[in-house]
């Protein structure tokens, strides 16, 4: 059965994902609020950030797999 919780499997991953979120937002020209409240962000902006993070994570995984085989 698939694990469908939002708990991270790797303990230090949260900090890396937060850093990636800010890097991607900067690349897209989206200013993230410093107070951490995202209620004023549009769905399109947040979706763009999430989509690019997913693409980057897939790219990293593909590179790691390519190095293994």
N, C-alpha and C. Protein backbone atom coordinates (compact mmCIF):
# COMPACT_ATOMS: atom_id res chain seq x y z
N UNK A 1 0.84 -1.18 0.00
CA UNK A 1 0.00 0.00 0.00
C UNK A 1 0.89 1.25 0.00
N UNK A 2 0.53 2.21 -0.75
CA UNK A 2 1.33 3.43 -0.89
C UNK A 2 1.23 4.29 0.36
N UNK A 3 2.34 4.93 0.71
CA UNK A 3 2.37 5.86 1.82
C UNK A 3 1.89 7.21 1.29
N UNK A 4 0.74 7.66 1.74
CA UNK A 4 0.14 8.89 1.20
C UNK A 4 0.20 10.05 2.20
N UNK A 5 1.13 9.97 3.14
CA UNK A 5 1.26 11.08 4.09
C UNK A 5 2.27 12.08 3.57
N UNK A 6 2.31 13.24 4.17
CA UNK A 6 3.26 14.27 3.77
C UNK A 6 4.53 14.23 4.60
N UNK A 7 4.76 13.13 5.29
CA UNK A 7 5.97 13.01 6.09
C UNK A 7 7.14 12.68 5.18
N UNK A 8 8.26 13.35 5.43
CA UNK A 8 9.46 13.12 4.63
C UNK A 8 10.17 11.87 5.10
N UNK A 9 10.71 11.11 4.16
CA UNK A 9 11.41 9.87 4.47
C UNK A 9 12.84 10.16 4.95
N UNK A 10 13.47 11.15 4.34
CA UNK A 10 14.86 11.50 4.67
C UNK A 10 14.84 12.66 5.66
N UNK A 11 15.47 12.52 6.85
CA UNK A 11 15.40 13.59 7.84
C UNK A 11 15.90 14.95 7.35
N UNK A 12 16.85 15.27 6.73
CA UNK A 12 17.27 16.62 6.39
C UNK A 12 16.66 17.17 5.12
N UNK A 13 15.70 16.46 4.54
CA UNK A 13 15.16 16.85 3.25
C UNK A 13 14.33 18.13 3.30
N UNK A 14 13.71 18.41 4.42
CA UNK A 14 12.84 19.59 4.50
C UNK A 14 13.61 20.87 4.21
N UNK A 15 14.79 21.00 4.79
CA UNK A 15 15.60 22.21 4.55
C UNK A 15 16.01 22.31 3.09
N UNK A 16 16.37 21.19 2.48
CA UNK A 16 16.76 21.20 1.07
C UNK A 16 15.58 21.58 0.18
N UNK A 17 14.38 21.09 0.50
CA UNK A 17 13.20 21.43 -0.29
C UNK A 17 12.83 22.90 -0.12
N UNK A 18 12.97 23.42 1.09
CA UNK A 18 12.71 24.85 1.32
C UNK A 18 13.68 25.70 0.51
N UNK A 19 14.95 25.32 0.51
CA UNK A 19 15.96 26.06 -0.26
C UNK A 19 15.62 26.01 -1.75
N UNK A 20 15.22 24.83 -2.22
CA UNK A 20 14.87 24.68 -3.63
C UNK A 20 13.66 25.54 -3.98
N UNK A 21 12.70 25.64 -3.06
CA UNK A 21 11.51 26.46 -3.29
C UNK A 21 11.90 27.91 -3.52
N UNK A 22 12.79 28.43 -2.70
CA UNK A 22 13.22 29.82 -2.85
C UNK A 22 14.04 30.03 -4.12
N UNK A 23 14.88 29.06 -4.47
CA UNK A 23 15.67 29.16 -5.70
C UNK A 23 14.77 29.20 -6.93
N UNK A 24 13.79 28.28 -6.95
CA UNK A 24 12.88 28.21 -8.10
C UNK A 24 12.05 29.48 -8.19
N UNK A 25 11.54 29.96 -7.08
CA UNK A 25 10.74 31.19 -7.08
C UNK A 25 11.57 32.36 -7.62
N UNK A 26 12.83 32.43 -7.22
CA UNK A 26 13.69 33.51 -7.70
C UNK A 26 13.91 33.39 -9.21
N UNK A 27 14.13 32.16 -9.69
CA UNK A 27 14.32 31.95 -11.13
C UNK A 27 13.08 32.36 -11.92
N UNK A 28 11.91 32.15 -11.34
CA UNK A 28 10.65 32.49 -12.01
C UNK A 28 10.26 33.95 -11.81
N UNK A 29 11.00 34.67 -10.98
CA UNK A 29 10.68 36.07 -10.72
C UNK A 29 9.51 36.25 -9.78
N UNK A 30 9.26 35.26 -8.94
CA UNK A 30 8.15 35.32 -7.99
C UNK A 30 8.73 35.62 -6.60
N UNK A 31 8.20 36.64 -5.97
CA UNK A 31 8.67 37.00 -4.63
C UNK A 31 7.85 36.24 -3.59
N UNK A 32 8.53 35.42 -2.79
CA UNK A 32 7.86 34.72 -1.71
C UNK A 32 7.84 35.61 -0.47
N UNK A 33 6.75 35.61 0.26
CA UNK A 33 6.67 36.45 1.46
C UNK A 33 7.65 35.96 2.54
N UNK A 34 8.33 36.88 3.19
CA UNK A 34 9.31 36.54 4.21
C UNK A 34 8.65 36.01 5.49
N UNK A 35 7.39 36.36 5.71
CA UNK A 35 6.72 35.91 6.94
C UNK A 35 6.17 34.49 6.83
N UNK A 36 6.27 33.88 5.64
CA UNK A 36 5.81 32.50 5.48
C UNK A 36 4.33 32.36 5.21
N UNK A 37 3.60 33.46 5.13
CA UNK A 37 2.16 33.41 4.85
C UNK A 37 1.95 33.50 3.35
N UNK A 38 1.42 32.43 2.77
CA UNK A 38 1.25 32.36 1.32
C UNK A 38 -0.18 32.64 0.88
N UNK A 39 -1.01 33.16 1.78
CA UNK A 39 -2.41 33.43 1.47
C UNK A 39 -2.63 34.46 0.38
N UNK A 40 -1.66 35.32 0.16
CA UNK A 40 -1.80 36.35 -0.87
C UNK A 40 -1.18 35.93 -2.21
N UNK A 41 -0.64 34.73 -2.26
CA UNK A 41 -0.05 34.22 -3.50
C UNK A 41 -1.15 33.63 -4.38
N UNK A 42 -1.00 33.75 -5.68
CA UNK A 42 -2.00 33.16 -6.57
C UNK A 42 -1.75 31.67 -6.73
N UNK A 43 -2.80 30.97 -7.09
CA UNK A 43 -2.68 29.54 -7.33
C UNK A 43 -1.72 29.28 -8.47
N UNK A 44 -1.74 30.14 -9.46
CA UNK A 44 -0.85 29.98 -10.61
C UNK A 44 0.62 30.10 -10.20
N UNK A 45 0.93 31.07 -9.34
CA UNK A 45 2.31 31.24 -8.88
C UNK A 45 2.78 30.03 -8.08
N UNK A 46 1.96 29.59 -7.15
CA UNK A 46 2.34 28.46 -6.31
C UNK A 46 2.43 27.17 -7.15
N UNK A 47 1.54 27.03 -8.11
CA UNK A 47 1.58 25.86 -8.99
C UNK A 47 2.82 25.86 -9.86
N UNK A 48 3.23 27.03 -10.31
CA UNK A 48 4.45 27.14 -11.11
C UNK A 48 5.66 26.71 -10.30
N UNK A 49 5.73 27.17 -9.08
CA UNK A 49 6.85 26.81 -8.21
C UNK A 49 6.86 25.30 -7.97
N UNK A 50 5.72 24.74 -7.63
CA UNK A 50 5.62 23.30 -7.39
C UNK A 50 5.96 22.48 -8.62
N UNK A 51 5.52 22.93 -9.78
CA UNK A 51 5.81 22.22 -11.02
C UNK A 51 7.28 22.21 -11.34
N UNK A 52 7.95 23.33 -11.16
CA UNK A 52 9.38 23.40 -11.44
C UNK A 52 10.19 22.60 -10.43
N UNK A 53 9.74 22.58 -9.16
CA UNK A 53 10.41 21.75 -8.16
C UNK A 53 10.30 20.28 -8.56
N UNK A 54 9.12 19.87 -8.98
CA UNK A 54 8.93 18.48 -9.40
C UNK A 54 9.82 18.14 -10.58
N UNK A 55 9.89 19.02 -11.57
CA UNK A 55 10.76 18.79 -12.72
C UNK A 55 12.21 18.65 -12.29
N UNK A 56 12.64 19.52 -11.39
CA UNK A 56 14.04 19.49 -10.93
C UNK A 56 14.33 18.20 -10.16
N UNK A 57 13.39 17.77 -9.30
CA UNK A 57 13.59 16.54 -8.55
C UNK A 57 13.66 15.33 -9.48
N UNK A 58 12.83 15.31 -10.51
CA UNK A 58 12.87 14.21 -11.48
C UNK A 58 14.19 14.22 -12.23
N UNK A 59 14.67 15.40 -12.60
CA UNK A 59 15.94 15.52 -13.30
C UNK A 59 17.09 15.00 -12.42
N UNK A 60 17.08 15.35 -11.14
CA UNK A 60 18.11 14.88 -10.21
C UNK A 60 18.06 13.36 -10.09
N UNK A 61 16.86 12.81 -9.97
CA UNK A 61 16.72 11.35 -9.86
C UNK A 61 17.20 10.65 -11.12
N UNK A 62 16.87 11.19 -12.29
CA UNK A 62 17.31 10.59 -13.54
C UNK A 62 18.84 10.61 -13.65
N UNK A 63 19.45 11.70 -13.22
CA UNK A 63 20.91 11.79 -13.26
C UNK A 63 21.54 10.76 -12.33
N UNK A 64 20.95 10.59 -11.14
CA UNK A 64 21.48 9.61 -10.21
C UNK A 64 21.32 8.19 -10.76
N UNK A 65 20.17 7.91 -11.34
CA UNK A 65 19.96 6.59 -11.92
C UNK A 65 20.88 6.32 -13.10
N UNK A 66 21.12 7.33 -13.92
CA UNK A 66 22.01 7.18 -15.07
C UNK A 66 23.44 6.89 -14.60
N UNK A 67 23.83 7.46 -13.50
CA UNK A 67 25.17 7.23 -12.97
C UNK A 67 25.32 5.85 -12.38
N UNK A 68 24.22 5.22 -12.01
CA UNK A 68 24.24 3.90 -11.40
C UNK A 68 24.36 2.78 -12.43
N UNK A 69 23.80 3.00 -13.61
CA UNK A 69 23.73 1.90 -14.59
C UNK A 69 24.68 2.11 -15.73
